[in-house]
Amino acid sequence: DVNQNVQNGFLSGQAVIENQNNRWTVTYQNEYLLACCEERAVASTPDILVIFDLETGFPLTSESLQYGLQVVLAALPSPAVWQTAAGLSLVG
């Protein structure tokens, strides 16, 4: 399921990804910001969240999300410099 809208020039929304075991919610504002599994935060900015199209293997941008796509969600840990106070002050 994908719920999105444009606010102040930003595409904001949530995508719900379900499999046999879990329900994942990915929140985004142009970029993927937060991934929750069963409402528990698992990864967030500055980590790098990527949603891949399962059929093609290509990453999907938030504007290309649509109901019914078969996808894989990946969370890549951010470099240590982004985990510092100075790095977090830049990315939120």
PDB file of N, CA and C in Angstrom:
ATOM      1  N   ASP A   1       0.847  -1.171   0.000  1.00  0.00           N
ATOM      2  CA  ASP A   1       0.000   0.000   0.000  1.00  0.00           C
ATOM      3  C   ASP A   1       0.894   1.236   0.000  1.00  0.00           C
ATOM      4  N   VAL A   2       0.510   2.262  -0.724  1.00  0.00           N
ATOM      5  CA  VAL A   2       1.295   3.499  -0.799  1.00  0.00           C
ATOM      6  C   VAL A   2       0.353   4.677  -0.574  1.00  0.00           C
ATOM      7  N   ASN A   3       0.674   5.502   0.412  1.00  0.00           N
ATOM      8  CA  ASN A   3      -0.069   6.729   0.674  1.00  0.00           C
ATOM      9  C   ASN A   3       0.909   7.882   0.561  1.00  0.00           C
ATOM     10  N   GLN A   4       0.652   8.810  -0.365  1.00  0.00           N
ATOM     11  CA  GLN A   4       1.588   9.913  -0.543  1.00  0.00           C
ATOM     12  C   GLN A   4       0.874  11.164  -1.012  1.00  0.00           C
ATOM     13  N   ASN A   5       1.530  12.309  -0.757  1.00  0.00           N
ATOM     14  CA  ASN A   5       1.029  13.597  -1.241  1.00  0.00           C
ATOM     15  C   ASN A   5       2.195  14.563  -1.350  1.00  0.00           C
ATOM     16  N   VAL A   6       1.973  15.644  -2.057  1.00  0.00           N
ATOM     17  CA  VAL A   6       3.000  16.674  -2.225  1.00  0.00           C
ATOM     18  C   VAL A   6       2.683  17.814  -1.264  1.00  0.00           C
ATOM     19  N   GLN A   7       3.673  18.172  -0.432  1.00  0.00           N
ATOM     20  CA  GLN A   7       3.543  19.270   0.511  1.00  0.00           C
ATOM     21  C   GLN A   7       4.780  20.145   0.414  1.00  0.00           C
ATOM     22  N   ASN A   8       4.571  21.425   0.120  1.00  0.00           N
ATOM     23  CA  ASN A   8       5.674  22.381   0.035  1.00  0.00           C
ATOM     24  C   ASN A   8       6.785  21.900  -0.903  1.00  0.00           C
ATOM     25  N   GLY A   9       6.403  21.256  -1.996  1.00  0.00           N
ATOM     26  CA  GLY A   9       7.374  20.803  -2.983  1.00  0.00           C
ATOM     27  C   GLY A   9       8.027  19.474  -2.674  1.00  0.00           C
ATOM     28  N   PHE A  10       7.645  18.825  -1.586  1.00  0.00           N
ATOM     29  CA  PHE A  10       8.208  17.532  -1.204  1.00  0.00           C
ATOM     30  C   PHE A  10       7.164  16.441  -1.361  1.00  0.00           C
ATOM     31  N   LEU A  11       7.564  15.303  -1.895  1.00  0.00           N
ATOM     32  CA  LEU A  11       6.695  14.133  -1.956  1.00  0.00           C
ATOM     33  C   LEU A  11       6.836  13.401  -0.627  1.00  0.00           C
ATOM     34  N   SER A  12       5.773  13.376   0.153  1.00  0.00           N
ATOM     35  CA  SER A  12       5.789  12.756   1.476  1.00  0.00           C
ATOM     36  C   SER A  12       4.812  11.604   1.509  1.00  0.00           C
ATOM     37  N   GLY A  13       5.151  10.578   2.276  1.00  0.00           N
ATOM     38  CA  GLY A  13       4.214   9.477   2.396  1.00  0.00           C
ATOM     39  C   GLY A  13       4.776   8.288   3.126  1.00  0.00           C
ATOM     40  N   GLN A  14       4.014   7.208   3.022  1.00  0.00           N
ATOM     41  CA  GLN A  14       4.407   5.937   3.614  1.00  0.00           C
ATOM     42  C   GLN A  14       4.093   4.817   2.638  1.00  0.00           C
ATOM     43  N   ALA A  15       4.964   3.840   2.616  1.00  0.00           N
ATOM     44  CA  ALA A  15       4.745   2.624   1.843  1.00  0.00           C
ATOM     45  C   ALA A  15       4.712   1.458   2.823  1.00  0.00           C
ATOM     46  N   VAL A  16       3.758   0.572   2.647  1.00  0.00           N
ATOM     47  CA  VAL A  16       3.643  -0.609   3.490  1.00  0.00           C
ATOM     48  C   VAL A  16       4.074  -1.813   2.669  1.00  0.00           C
ATOM     49  N   ILE A  17       5.011  -2.575   3.232  1.00  0.00           N
ATOM     50  CA  ILE A  17       5.534  -3.778   2.587  1.00  0.00           C
ATOM     51  C   ILE A  17       5.207  -4.951   3.505  1.00  0.00           C
ATOM     52  N   GLU A  18       4.517  -5.945   2.958  1.00  0.00           N
ATOM     53  CA  GLU A  18       4.139  -7.096   3.768  1.00  0.00           C
ATOM     54  C   GLU A  18       4.674  -8.382   3.150  1.00  0.00           C
ATOM     55  N   ASN A  19       5.097  -9.284   4.032  1.00  0.00           N
ATOM     56  CA  ASN A  19       5.447 -10.629   3.607  1.00  0.00           C
ATOM     57  C   ASN A  19       4.715 -11.609   4.515  1.00  0.00           C
ATOM     58  N   GLN A  20       5.065 -12.881   4.481  1.00  0.00           N
ATOM     59  CA  GLN A  20       4.358 -13.876   5.289  1.00  0.00           C
ATOM     60  C   GLN A  20       4.494 -13.625   6.782  1.00  0.00           C
ATOM     61  N   ASN A  21       5.582 -12.980   7.186  1.00  0.00           N
ATOM     62  CA  ASN A  21       5.888 -12.860   8.611  1.00  0.00           C
ATOM     63  C   ASN A  21       5.747 -11.466   9.196  1.00  0.00           C
ATOM     64  N   ASN A  22       5.955 -10.424   8.394  1.00  0.00           N
ATOM     65  CA  ASN A  22       6.066  -9.081   8.949  1.00  0.00           C
ATOM     66  C   ASN A  22       5.353  -8.044   8.095  1.00  0.00           C
ATOM     67  N   ARG A  23       5.076  -6.925   8.736  1.00  0.00           N
ATOM     68  CA  ARG A  23       4.539  -5.747   8.060  1.00  0.00           C
ATOM     69  C   ARG A  23       5.538  -4.607   8.295  1.00  0.00           C
ATOM     70  N   TRP A  24       6.095  -4.103   7.207  1.00  0.00           N
ATOM     71  CA  TRP A  24       7.071  -3.022   7.257  1.00  0.00           C
ATOM     72  C   TRP A  24       6.421  -1.735   6.778  1.00  0.00           C
ATOM     73  N   THR A  25       6.748  -0.628   7.419  1.00  0.00           N
ATOM     74  CA  THR A  25       6.289   0.687   6.975  1.00  0.00           C
ATOM     75  C   THR A  25       7.524   1.542   6.726  1.00  0.00           C
ATOM     76  N   VAL A  26       7.603   2.117   5.533  1.00  0.00           N
ATOM     77  CA  VAL A  26       8.714   3.000   5.173  1.00  0.00           C
ATOM     78  C   VAL A  26       8.147   4.403   4.999  1.00  0.00           C
ATOM     79  N   THR A  27       8.660   5.331   5.781  1.00  0.00           N
ATOM     80  CA  THR A  27       8.235   6.730   5.720  1.00  0.00           C
ATOM     81  C   THR A  27       9.252   7.492   4.898  1.00  0.00           C
ATOM     82  N   TYR A  28       8.753   8.393   4.040  1.00  0.00           N
ATOM     83  CA  TYR A  28       9.669   9.134   3.171  1.00  0.00           C
ATOM     84  C   TYR A  28       9.219  10.570   2.958  1.00  0.00           C
ATOM     85  N   GLN A  29      10.180  11.393   2.663  1.00  0.00           N
ATOM     86  CA  GLN A  29       9.992  12.758   2.177  1.00  0.00           C
ATOM     87  C   GLN A  29      11.040  12.923   1.083  1.00  0.00           C
ATOM     88  N   ASN A  30      10.640  12.637  -0.144  1.00  0.00           N
ATOM     89  CA  ASN A  30      11.514  12.518  -1.306  1.00  0.00           C
ATOM     90  C   ASN A  30      12.471  11.339  -1.151  1.00  0.00           C
ATOM     91  N   GLU A  31      13.102  11.188  -0.019  1.00  0.00           N
ATOM     92  CA  GLU A  31      14.017  10.070   0.246  1.00  0.00           C
ATOM     93  C   GLU A  31      13.446   9.232   1.377  1.00  0.00           C
ATOM     94  N   TYR A  32      13.837   7.979   1.428  1.00  0.00           N
ATOM     95  CA  TYR A  32      13.376   7.084   2.492  1.00  0.00           C
ATOM     96  C   TYR A  32      14.060   7.474   3.798  1.00  0.00           C
ATOM     97  N   LEU A  33      13.251   7.717   4.834  1.00  0.00           N
ATOM     98  CA  LEU A  33      13.772   8.247   6.093  1.00  0.00           C
ATOM     99  C   LEU A  33      13.719   7.266   7.256  1.00  0.00           C
ATOM    100  N   LEU A  34      12.688   6.424   7.283  1.00  0.00           N
ATOM    101  CA  LEU A  34      12.464   5.570   8.453  1.00  0.00           C
ATOM    102  C   LEU A  34      11.843   4.259   8.007  1.00  0.00           C
ATOM    103  N   ALA A  35      12.374   3.153   8.514  1.00  0.00           N
ATOM    104  CA  ALA A  35      11.804   1.828   8.271  1.00  0.00           C
ATOM    105  C   ALA A  35      11.410   1.222   9.607  1.00  0.00           C
ATOM    106  N   CYS A  36      10.137   0.824   9.708  1.00  0.00           N
ATOM    107  CA  CYS A  36       9.628   0.200  10.925  1.00  0.00           C
ATOM    108  C   CYS A  36       9.106  -1.185  10.600  1.00  0.00           C
ATOM    109  N   CYS A  37       9.380  -2.115  11.478  1.00  0.00           N
ATOM    110  CA  CYS A  37       8.834  -3.467  11.365  1.00  0.00           C
ATOM    111  C   CYS A  37       7.859  -3.640  12.513  1.00  0.00           C
ATOM    112  N   GLU A  38       6.591  -3.889  12.162  1.00  0.00           N
ATOM    113  CA  GLU A  38       5.555  -4.031  13.189  1.00  0.00           C
ATOM    114  C   GLU A  38       5.578  -2.838  14.150  1.00  0.00           C
ATOM    115  N   GLU A  39       5.731  -1.648  13.613  1.00  0.00           N
ATOM    116  CA  GLU A  39       5.721  -0.367  14.348  1.00  0.00           C
ATOM    117  C   GLU A  39       6.956  -0.131  15.213  1.00  0.00           C
ATOM    118  N   ARG A  40       7.980  -0.952  15.057  1.00  0.00           N
ATOM    119  CA  ARG A  40       9.236  -0.752  15.794  1.00  0.00           C
ATOM    120  C   ARG A  40      10.281  -0.228  14.813  1.00  0.00           C
ATOM    121  N   ALA A  41      10.871   0.926  15.139  1.00  0.00           N
ATOM    122  CA  ALA A  41      11.892   1.518  14.265  1.00  0.00           C
ATOM    123  C   ALA A  41      13.088   0.579  14.164  1.00  0.00           C
ATOM    124  N   VAL A  42      13.489   0.291  12.922  1.00  0.00           N
ATOM    125  CA  VAL A  42      14.602  -0.622  12.667  1.00  0.00           C
ATOM    126  C   VAL A  42      15.774   0.120  12.034  1.00  0.00           C
ATOM    127  N   ALA A  43      15.489   1.079  11.170  1.00  0.00           N
ATOM    128  CA  ALA A  43      16.547   1.864  10.518  1.00  0.00           C
ATOM    129  C   ALA A  43      15.997   3.245  10.197  1.00  0.00           C
ATOM    130  N   SER A  44      16.882   4.244  10.254  1.00  0.00           N
ATOM    131  CA  SER A  44      16.464   5.616   9.939  1.00  0.00           C
ATOM    132  C   SER A  44      17.673   6.416   9.476  1.00  0.00           C
ATOM    133  N   THR A  45      17.373   7.591   8.928  1.00  0.00           N
ATOM    134  CA  THR A  45      18.426   8.510   8.534  1.00  0.00           C
ATOM    135  C   THR A  45      19.363   8.713   9.717  1.00  0.00           C
ATOM    136  N   PRO A  46      20.658   8.648   9.530  1.00  0.00           N
ATOM    137  CA  PRO A  46      21.419   8.724   8.294  1.00  0.00           C
ATOM    138  C   PRO A  46      21.704   7.387   7.614  1.00  0.00           C
ATOM    139  N   ASP A  47      21.128   6.271   8.130  1.00  0.00           N
ATOM    140  CA  ASP A  47      21.284   5.005   7.406  1.00  0.00           C
ATOM    141  C   ASP A  47      20.691   5.168   6.009  1.00  0.00           C
ATOM    142  N   ILE A  48      21.141   4.363   5.090  1.00  0.00           N
ATOM    143  CA  ILE A  48      20.666   4.443   3.707  1.00  0.00           C
ATOM    144  C   ILE A  48      19.620   3.358   3.507  1.00  0.00           C
ATOM    145  N   LEU A  49      18.391   3.786   3.227  1.00  0.00           N
ATOM    146  CA  LEU A  49      17.295   2.857   2.974  1.00  0.00           C
ATOM    147  C   LEU A  49      17.059   2.783   1.477  1.00  0.00           C
ATOM    148  N   VAL A  50      16.933   1.566   0.964  1.00  0.00           N
ATOM    149  CA  VAL A  50      16.721   1.362  -0.469  1.00  0.00           C
ATOM    150  C   VAL A  50      15.606   0.345  -0.648  1.00  0.00           C
ATOM    151  N   ILE A  51      14.680   0.647  -1.545  1.00  0.00           N
ATOM    152  CA  ILE A  51      13.659  -0.311  -1.935  1.00  0.00           C
ATOM    153  C   ILE A  51      13.992  -0.742  -3.363  1.00  0.00           C
ATOM    154  N   PHE A  52      14.184  -2.052  -3.541  1.00  0.00           N
ATOM    155  CA  PHE A  52      14.531  -2.611  -4.844  1.00  0.00           C
ATOM    156  C   PHE A  52      13.315  -3.300  -5.459  1.00  0.00           C
ATOM    157  N   ASP A  53      13.172  -3.166  -6.773  1.00  0.00           N
ATOM    158  CA  ASP A  53      12.172  -3.916  -7.524  1.00  0.00           C
ATOM    159  C   ASP A  53      12.666  -5.361  -7.590  1.00  0.00           C
ATOM    160  N   LEU A  54      11.881  -6.303  -7.091  1.00  0.00           N
ATOM    161  CA  LEU A  54      12.299  -7.698  -7.025  1.00  0.00           C
ATOM    162  C   LEU A  54      12.498  -8.293  -8.416  1.00  0.00           C
ATOM    163  N   GLU A  55      11.718  -7.847  -9.381  1.00  0.00           N
ATOM    164  CA  GLU A  55      11.808  -8.403 -10.737  1.00  0.00           C
ATOM    165  C   GLU A  55      13.045  -7.920 -11.487  1.00  0.00           C
ATOM    166  N   THR A  56      13.351  -6.615 -11.377  1.00  0.00           N
ATOM    167  CA  THR A  56      14.465  -6.054 -12.152  1.00  0.00           C
ATOM    168  C   THR A  56      15.743  -5.911 -11.352  1.00  0.00           C
ATOM    169  N   GLY A  57      15.626  -5.818 -10.026  1.00  0.00           N
ATOM    170  CA  GLY A  57      16.791  -5.577  -9.181  1.00  0.00           C
ATOM    171  C   GLY A  57      17.172  -4.112  -9.093  1.00  0.00           C
ATOM    172  N   PHE A  58      16.431  -3.241  -9.775  1.00  0.00           N
ATOM    173  CA  PHE A  58      16.748  -1.818  -9.757  1.00  0.00           C
ATOM    174  C   PHE A  58      16.152  -1.141  -8.527  1.00  0.00           C
ATOM    175  N   PRO A  59      16.836  -0.130  -7.987  1.00  0.00           N
ATOM    176  CA  PRO A  59      16.262   0.629  -6.874  1.00  0.00           C
ATOM    177  C   PRO A  59      15.069   1.455  -7.356  1.00  0.00           C
ATOM    178  N   LEU A  60      14.097   1.632  -6.466  1.00  0.00           N
ATOM    179  CA  LEU A  60      12.904   2.403  -6.771  1.00  0.00           C
ATOM    180  C   LEU A  60      12.928   3.724  -6.014  1.00  0.00           C
ATOM    181  N   THR A  61      12.671   4.809  -6.701  1.00  0.00           N
ATOM    182  CA  THR A  61      12.532   6.101  -6.040  1.00  0.00           C
ATOM    183  C   THR A  61      11.136   6.193  -5.435  1.00  0.00           C
ATOM    184  N   SER A  62      10.951   7.099  -4.505  1.00  0.00           N
ATOM    185  CA  SER A  62       9.656   7.220  -3.835  1.00  0.00           C
ATOM    186  C   SER A  62       8.538   7.549  -4.819  1.00  0.00           C
ATOM    187  N   GLU A  63       8.820   8.342  -5.845  1.00  0.00           N
ATOM    188  CA  GLU A  63       7.765   8.696  -6.795  1.00  0.00           C
ATOM    189  C   GLU A  63       7.372   7.534  -7.699  1.00  0.00           C
ATOM    190  N   SER A  64       8.167   6.471  -7.753  1.00  0.00           N
ATOM    191  CA  SER A  64       7.825   5.331  -8.606  1.00  0.00           C
ATOM    192  C   SER A  64       7.134   4.203  -7.840  1.00  0.00           C
ATOM    193  N   LEU A  65       6.923   4.383  -6.535  1.00  0.00           N
ATOM    194  CA  LEU A  65       6.242   3.359  -5.756  1.00  0.00           C
ATOM    195  C   LEU A  65       4.781   3.260  -6.165  1.00  0.00           C
ATOM    196  N   GLN A  66       4.277   2.041  -6.216  1.00  0.00           N
ATOM    197  CA  GLN A  66       2.869   1.821  -6.502  1.00  0.00           C
ATOM    198  C   GLN A  66       2.425   0.503  -5.895  1.00  0.00           C
ATOM    199  N   TYR A  67       1.140   0.416  -5.636  1.00  0.00           N
ATOM    200  CA  TYR A  67       0.567  -0.790  -5.051  1.00  0.00           C
ATOM    201  C   TYR A  67       0.818  -1.991  -5.964  1.00  0.00           C
ATOM    202  N   GLY A  68       1.170  -3.111  -5.359  1.00  0.00           N
ATOM    203  CA  GLY A  68       1.310  -4.351  -6.098  1.00  0.00           C
ATOM    204  C   GLY A  68       2.714  -4.697  -6.538  1.00  0.00           C
ATOM    205  N   LEU A  69       3.656  -3.780  -6.409  1.00  0.00           N
ATOM    206  CA  LEU A  69       5.036  -4.091  -6.777  1.00  0.00           C
ATOM    207  C   LEU A  69       5.604  -5.140  -5.822  1.00  0.00           C
ATOM    208  N   GLN A  70       6.429  -6.025  -6.343  1.00  0.00           N
ATOM    209  CA  GLN A  70       7.169  -6.979  -5.527  1.00  0.00           C
ATOM    210  C   GLN A  70       8.525  -6.335  -5.241  1.00  0.00           C
ATOM    211  N   VAL A  71       8.821  -6.104  -3.969  1.00  0.00           N
ATOM    212  CA  VAL A  71      10.015  -5.336  -3.613  1.00  0.00           C
ATOM    213  C   VAL A  71      10.813  -6.011  -2.513  1.00  0.00           C
ATOM    214  N   VAL A  72      12.043  -5.523  -2.360  1.00  0.00           N
ATOM    215  CA  VAL A  72      12.932  -5.906  -1.268  1.00  0.00           C
ATOM    216  C   VAL A  72      13.404  -4.613  -0.618  1.00  0.00           C
ATOM    217  N   LEU A  73      13.346  -4.556   0.699  1.00  0.00           N
ATOM    218  CA  LEU A  73      13.818  -3.399   1.452  1.00  0.00           C
ATOM    219  C   LEU A  73      15.189  -3.706   2.024  1.00  0.00           C
ATOM    220  N   ALA A  74      16.137  -2.799   1.812  1.00  0.00           N
ATOM    221  CA  ALA A  74      17.491  -2.961   2.361  1.00  0.00           C
ATOM    222  C   ALA A  74      17.846  -1.725   3.171  1.00  0.00           C
ATOM    223  N   ALA A  75      18.535  -1.944   4.278  1.00  0.00           N
ATOM    224  CA  ALA A  75      19.034  -0.854   5.110  1.00  0.00           C
ATOM    225  C   ALA A  75      20.545  -1.001   5.201  1.00  0.00           C
ATOM    226  N   LEU A  76      21.255   0.015   4.727  1.00  0.00           N
ATOM    227  CA  LEU A  76      22.716   0.014   4.752  1.00  0.00           C
ATOM    228  C   LEU A  76      23.175   0.953   5.858  1.00  0.00           C
ATOM    229  N   PRO A  77      24.013   0.489   6.759  1.00  0.00           N
ATOM    230  CA  PRO A  77      24.475   1.368   7.836  1.00  0.00           C
ATOM    231  C   PRO A  77      25.247   2.556   7.272  1.00  0.00           C
ATOM    232  N   SER A  78      24.999   3.698   7.862  1.00  0.00           N
ATOM    233  CA  SER A  78      25.713   4.893   7.406  1.00  0.00           C
ATOM    234  C   SER A  78      27.165   4.850   7.873  1.00  0.00           C
ATOM    235  N   PRO A  79      28.049   5.562   7.167  1.00  0.00           N
ATOM    236  CA  PRO A  79      29.429   5.676   7.634  1.00  0.00           C
ATOM    237  C   PRO A  79      29.468   6.308   9.029  1.00  0.00           C
ATOM    238  N   ALA A  80      30.458   5.947   9.801  1.00  0.00           N
ATOM    239  CA  ALA A  80      30.564   6.408  11.197  1.00  0.00           C
ATOM    240  C   ALA A  80      30.536   7.924  11.321  1.00  0.00           C
ATOM    241  N   VAL A  81      31.064   8.650  10.343  1.00  0.00           N
ATOM    242  CA  VAL A  81      31.100  10.108  10.436  1.00  0.00           C
ATOM    243  C   VAL A  81      29.690  10.695  10.513  1.00  0.00           C
ATOM    244  N   TRP A  82      28.702  10.038   9.899  1.00  0.00           N
ATOM    245  CA  TRP A  82      27.327  10.533   9.942  1.00  0.00           C
ATOM    246  C   TRP A  82      26.653  10.230  11.270  1.00  0.00           C
ATOM    247  N   GLN A  83      27.252   9.367  12.078  1.00  0.00           N
ATOM    248  CA  GLN A  83      26.690   9.017  13.385  1.00  0.00           C
ATOM    249  C   GLN A  83      27.148   9.972  14.492  1.00  0.00           C
ATOM    250  N   THR A  84      28.081  10.869  14.160  1.00  0.00           N
ATOM    251  CA  THR A  84      28.587  11.823  15.162  1.00  0.00           C
ATOM    252  C   THR A  84      27.579  12.967  15.319  1.00  0.00           C
ATOM    253  N   ALA A  85      27.742  13.745  16.381  1.00  0.00           N
ATOM    254  CA  ALA A  85      26.866  14.909  16.611  1.00  0.00           C
ATOM    255  C   ALA A  85      26.918  15.872  15.431  1.00  0.00           C
ATOM    256  N   ALA A  86      28.111  16.093  14.888  1.00  0.00           N
ATOM    257  CA  ALA A  86      28.240  17.010  13.742  1.00  0.00           C
ATOM    258  C   ALA A  86      27.535  16.452  12.519  1.00  0.00           C
ATOM    259  N   GLY A  87      27.687  15.157  12.273  1.00  0.00           N
ATOM    260  CA  GLY A  87      27.033  14.545  11.126  1.00  0.00           C
ATOM    261  C   GLY A  87      25.520  14.552  11.264  1.00  0.00           C
ATOM    262  N   LEU A  88      25.036  14.216  12.459  1.00  0.00           N
ATOM    263  CA  LEU A  88      23.593  14.204  12.697  1.00  0.00           C
ATOM    264  C   LEU A  88      22.990  15.590  12.612  1.00  0.00           C
ATOM    265  N   SER A  89      23.762  16.607  12.949  1.00  0.00           N
ATOM    266  CA  SER A  89      23.234  17.983  12.848  1.00  0.00           C
ATOM    267  C   SER A  89      22.974  18.361  11.394  1.00  0.00           C
ATOM    268  N   LEU A  90      23.663  17.724  10.460  1.00  0.00           N
ATOM    269  CA  LEU A  90      23.456  17.997   9.043  1.00  0.00           C
ATOM    270  C   LEU A  90      22.291  17.225   8.453  1.00  0.00           C
ATOM    271  N   VAL A  91      22.075  15.994   8.922  1.00  0.00           N
ATOM    272  CA  VAL A  91      21.040  15.137   8.318  1.00  0.00           C
ATOM    273  C   VAL A  91      19.792  14.988   9.162  1.00  0.00           C
ATOM    274  N   GLY A  92      19.812  15.471  10.379  1.00  0.00           N
ATOM    275  CA  GLY A  92      18.599  15.406  11.203  1.00  0.00           C
ATOM    276  C   GLY A  92      18.554  14.273  12.088  1.00  0.00           C
TER     277      GLY A  92
END
